[in-house]
Amino acid sequence: MKEEEEDESNALSNIIIEFRPGLFLTAILEVSCLILKNISNLPTIILERFNELFSGKCNITVNEDNPNTISPESNKVLSDFNEHFRVFWTCQSGATLQLSEAVISLFTLIYVGEYALDEQKTVLQSYCDLNNLNTITDDNINNLIWLF
């Protein structure tokens, strides 16, 4: 029995832990924009995590990076990325009523009316063309528009 326990502890000692940035942090590190849908569906605790990012200092603390993969042990605060990094969030009409004033104050709100049917088809067809999705038919596009 002891031999099995020793084998297990040796196996665990060979494990390398690596922190991998998620969608949001990857966009920050690559200094690119991020487009997220339906902000009103995010839990408040996640929205609160963005307060640090969208405050005047524009920092984000990566406490999760325990193995120091992208940040040194002595400094878990990433900064100086706000010049080119942008976040765009969408929400349904009227969904901002579900958000607190504190959250709304972090954003510039822009109202855009719904796309007409022919505009939706043009957008979807452009997306398909840009991503080499040549197998999508007009019927598929019509079905997608109906779903959303």
Foldseek 3Di string as FASTA:
>chain_A
DVVVVVVVVVVVVPDDDFDDDDDVVVCLVVLHEEEEEAPLPDDPVVLVQCCCCLPPQNKHFPPVGVVQRPHDPVGRIDGDRPPRYYYHYYHDPPSCVSPDPVSVVSDDDDDDDDDDPVVQLVVVVVVCVVVVVVVQDPVNSVVVVVVD
